N, C-alpha and C. Protein backbone atom coordinates (compact mmCIF):
# COMPACT_ATOMS: atom_id res chain seq x y z
N UNK A 1 -114.00 161.25 -6.68
CA UNK A 1 -115.28 160.75 -6.21
C UNK A 1 -116.35 161.49 -6.99
N UNK A 2 -117.18 160.76 -7.70
CA UNK A 2 -118.23 161.34 -8.51
C UNK A 2 -119.54 161.32 -7.72
N UNK A 3 -120.21 162.47 -7.66
CA UNK A 3 -121.44 162.59 -6.89
C UNK A 3 -122.55 163.20 -7.73
N UNK A 4 -123.77 163.00 -7.26
CA UNK A 4 -124.93 163.65 -7.82
C UNK A 4 -125.64 164.35 -6.66
N UNK A 5 -125.91 165.64 -6.81
CA UNK A 5 -126.53 166.41 -5.74
C UNK A 5 -127.89 165.83 -5.40
N UNK A 6 -128.14 165.65 -4.10
CA UNK A 6 -129.40 165.07 -3.67
C UNK A 6 -130.57 166.01 -3.95
N UNK A 7 -130.30 167.30 -4.05
CA UNK A 7 -131.38 168.28 -4.20
C UNK A 7 -131.67 168.64 -5.65
N UNK A 8 -130.62 168.91 -6.44
CA UNK A 8 -130.83 169.36 -7.82
C UNK A 8 -130.34 168.37 -8.86
N UNK A 9 -129.76 167.25 -8.44
CA UNK A 9 -129.25 166.18 -9.30
C UNK A 9 -128.12 166.61 -10.23
N UNK A 10 -127.45 167.71 -9.91
CA UNK A 10 -126.29 168.14 -10.67
C UNK A 10 -125.12 167.22 -10.36
N UNK A 11 -124.45 166.73 -11.39
CA UNK A 11 -123.28 165.87 -11.20
C UNK A 11 -122.06 166.73 -10.92
N UNK A 12 -121.24 166.25 -9.98
CA UNK A 12 -119.98 166.93 -9.67
C UNK A 12 -119.02 165.93 -9.06
N UNK A 13 -117.76 166.32 -9.00
CA UNK A 13 -116.73 165.43 -8.48
C UNK A 13 -115.92 166.12 -7.39
N UNK A 14 -115.38 165.31 -6.50
CA UNK A 14 -114.43 165.80 -5.50
C UNK A 14 -113.05 165.30 -5.90
N UNK A 15 -112.09 166.19 -5.86
CA UNK A 15 -110.71 165.82 -6.18
C UNK A 15 -110.08 165.08 -5.02
N UNK A 16 -109.00 164.38 -5.31
CA UNK A 16 -108.28 163.62 -4.28
C UNK A 16 -107.88 164.52 -3.11
N UNK A 17 -107.43 165.73 -3.44
CA UNK A 17 -106.98 166.65 -2.40
C UNK A 17 -108.12 167.05 -1.48
N UNK A 18 -109.31 167.27 -2.04
CA UNK A 18 -110.46 167.66 -1.23
C UNK A 18 -110.92 166.50 -0.35
N UNK A 19 -110.85 165.28 -0.87
CA UNK A 19 -111.21 164.10 -0.08
C UNK A 19 -110.25 163.96 1.10
N UNK A 20 -108.95 164.10 0.83
CA UNK A 20 -107.95 163.99 1.90
C UNK A 20 -108.16 165.08 2.95
N UNK A 21 -108.45 166.31 2.52
CA UNK A 21 -108.71 167.41 3.45
C UNK A 21 -109.94 167.10 4.30
N UNK A 22 -111.00 166.61 3.67
CA UNK A 22 -112.25 166.32 4.39
C UNK A 22 -112.04 165.24 5.44
N UNK A 23 -111.29 164.19 5.09
CA UNK A 23 -111.02 163.10 6.04
C UNK A 23 -110.24 163.64 7.23
N UNK A 24 -109.21 164.42 6.96
CA UNK A 24 -108.40 164.99 8.05
C UNK A 24 -109.23 165.92 8.93
N UNK A 25 -110.06 166.75 8.32
CA UNK A 25 -110.89 167.69 9.07
C UNK A 25 -111.90 166.95 9.95
N UNK A 26 -112.50 165.89 9.43
CA UNK A 26 -113.47 165.12 10.22
C UNK A 26 -112.79 164.41 11.39
N UNK A 27 -111.62 163.86 11.15
CA UNK A 27 -110.90 163.17 12.23
C UNK A 27 -110.49 164.15 13.33
N UNK A 28 -110.05 165.35 12.97
CA UNK A 28 -109.62 166.33 13.95
C UNK A 28 -110.79 166.91 14.74
N UNK A 29 -111.90 167.16 14.05
CA UNK A 29 -113.04 167.81 14.71
C UNK A 29 -113.96 166.82 15.41
N UNK A 30 -113.94 165.57 14.98
CA UNK A 30 -114.84 164.59 15.57
C UNK A 30 -116.24 164.64 14.98
N UNK A 31 -116.44 165.45 13.95
CA UNK A 31 -117.75 165.53 13.30
C UNK A 31 -118.05 164.23 12.56
N UNK A 32 -119.33 164.00 12.30
CA UNK A 32 -119.74 162.77 11.64
C UNK A 32 -119.85 162.92 10.12
N UNK A 33 -120.05 164.15 9.64
CA UNK A 33 -120.27 164.35 8.21
C UNK A 33 -119.52 165.56 7.67
N UNK A 34 -119.21 165.50 6.38
CA UNK A 34 -118.58 166.60 5.65
C UNK A 34 -119.61 167.12 4.65
N UNK A 35 -119.75 168.43 4.53
CA UNK A 35 -120.68 169.02 3.57
C UNK A 35 -119.95 169.34 2.27
N UNK A 36 -120.19 168.50 1.26
CA UNK A 36 -119.63 168.75 -0.07
C UNK A 36 -120.65 169.61 -0.82
N UNK A 37 -120.20 170.71 -1.37
CA UNK A 37 -121.11 171.63 -2.07
C UNK A 37 -121.13 171.33 -3.56
N UNK A 38 -122.34 171.25 -4.12
CA UNK A 38 -122.47 171.07 -5.56
C UNK A 38 -122.22 172.44 -6.22
N UNK A 39 -122.07 172.48 -7.54
CA UNK A 39 -121.80 173.75 -8.22
C UNK A 39 -122.89 174.80 -8.00
N UNK A 40 -124.09 174.37 -7.65
CA UNK A 40 -125.19 175.30 -7.39
C UNK A 40 -125.27 175.71 -5.92
N UNK A 41 -124.35 175.19 -5.09
CA UNK A 41 -124.24 175.62 -3.71
C UNK A 41 -124.98 174.79 -2.67
N UNK A 42 -125.60 173.69 -3.08
CA UNK A 42 -126.32 172.85 -2.13
C UNK A 42 -125.35 171.94 -1.39
N UNK A 43 -125.57 171.80 -0.08
CA UNK A 43 -124.71 170.95 0.74
C UNK A 43 -125.15 169.49 0.60
N UNK A 44 -124.18 168.60 0.43
CA UNK A 44 -124.41 167.16 0.35
C UNK A 44 -123.58 166.51 1.45
N UNK A 45 -124.24 165.89 2.41
CA UNK A 45 -123.54 165.32 3.56
C UNK A 45 -122.88 163.99 3.17
N UNK A 46 -121.58 163.89 3.47
CA UNK A 46 -120.82 162.67 3.23
C UNK A 46 -120.24 162.21 4.55
N UNK A 47 -120.40 160.93 4.85
CA UNK A 47 -119.85 160.40 6.09
C UNK A 47 -118.36 160.13 5.93
N UNK A 48 -117.68 159.99 7.05
CA UNK A 48 -116.26 159.66 7.04
C UNK A 48 -116.06 158.32 6.33
N UNK A 49 -116.94 157.37 6.55
CA UNK A 49 -116.83 156.06 5.91
C UNK A 49 -116.90 156.18 4.38
N UNK A 50 -117.82 157.00 3.87
CA UNK A 50 -117.93 157.19 2.42
C UNK A 50 -116.65 157.82 1.86
N UNK A 51 -116.12 158.79 2.57
CA UNK A 51 -114.90 159.46 2.12
C UNK A 51 -113.71 158.51 2.14
N UNK A 52 -113.60 157.69 3.18
CA UNK A 52 -112.48 156.75 3.27
C UNK A 52 -112.54 155.71 2.16
N UNK A 53 -113.74 155.28 1.77
CA UNK A 53 -113.86 154.31 0.66
C UNK A 53 -113.41 154.94 -0.65
N UNK A 54 -113.65 156.25 -0.81
CA UNK A 54 -113.30 156.94 -2.05
C UNK A 54 -111.87 157.42 -2.08
N UNK A 55 -111.22 157.46 -0.93
CA UNK A 55 -109.84 157.97 -0.85
C UNK A 55 -108.90 157.06 -1.63
N UNK A 56 -107.92 157.65 -2.29
CA UNK A 56 -106.94 156.83 -3.00
C UNK A 56 -106.12 156.00 -2.01
N UNK A 57 -105.89 154.79 -2.37
CA UNK A 57 -105.11 153.89 -1.51
C UNK A 57 -103.64 154.25 -1.62
N UNK A 58 -102.98 154.27 -0.47
CA UNK A 58 -101.54 154.53 -0.47
C UNK A 58 -100.83 153.19 -0.38
N UNK A 59 -99.85 153.03 -1.21
CA UNK A 59 -99.08 151.78 -1.20
C UNK A 59 -97.97 151.89 -0.19
N UNK A 60 -97.88 150.88 0.65
CA UNK A 60 -96.79 150.87 1.62
C UNK A 60 -95.56 150.25 0.96
N UNK A 61 -94.39 150.76 1.30
CA UNK A 61 -93.17 150.20 0.69
C UNK A 61 -92.99 148.75 1.14
N UNK A 62 -92.56 147.93 0.21
CA UNK A 62 -92.37 146.52 0.55
C UNK A 62 -91.14 146.36 1.44
N UNK A 63 -91.29 145.49 2.41
CA UNK A 63 -90.18 145.26 3.31
C UNK A 63 -89.27 144.17 2.76
N UNK A 64 -88.01 144.41 2.80
CA UNK A 64 -87.06 143.42 2.30
C UNK A 64 -86.07 143.08 3.36
């Protein structure tokens, strides 16, 4: 997931593993947003919906 910091406009990315961790943490805690930190340390709020759209899709095994 490629982002641009809302405060300093620094571009940064979240890895698949961090997105998966954030989704799991939000679901467990019931929080509405995850704070993704840019390289300069500014928090960027991401909703669960935004993270789920960016999450890699898992393929389900085909049933035979």
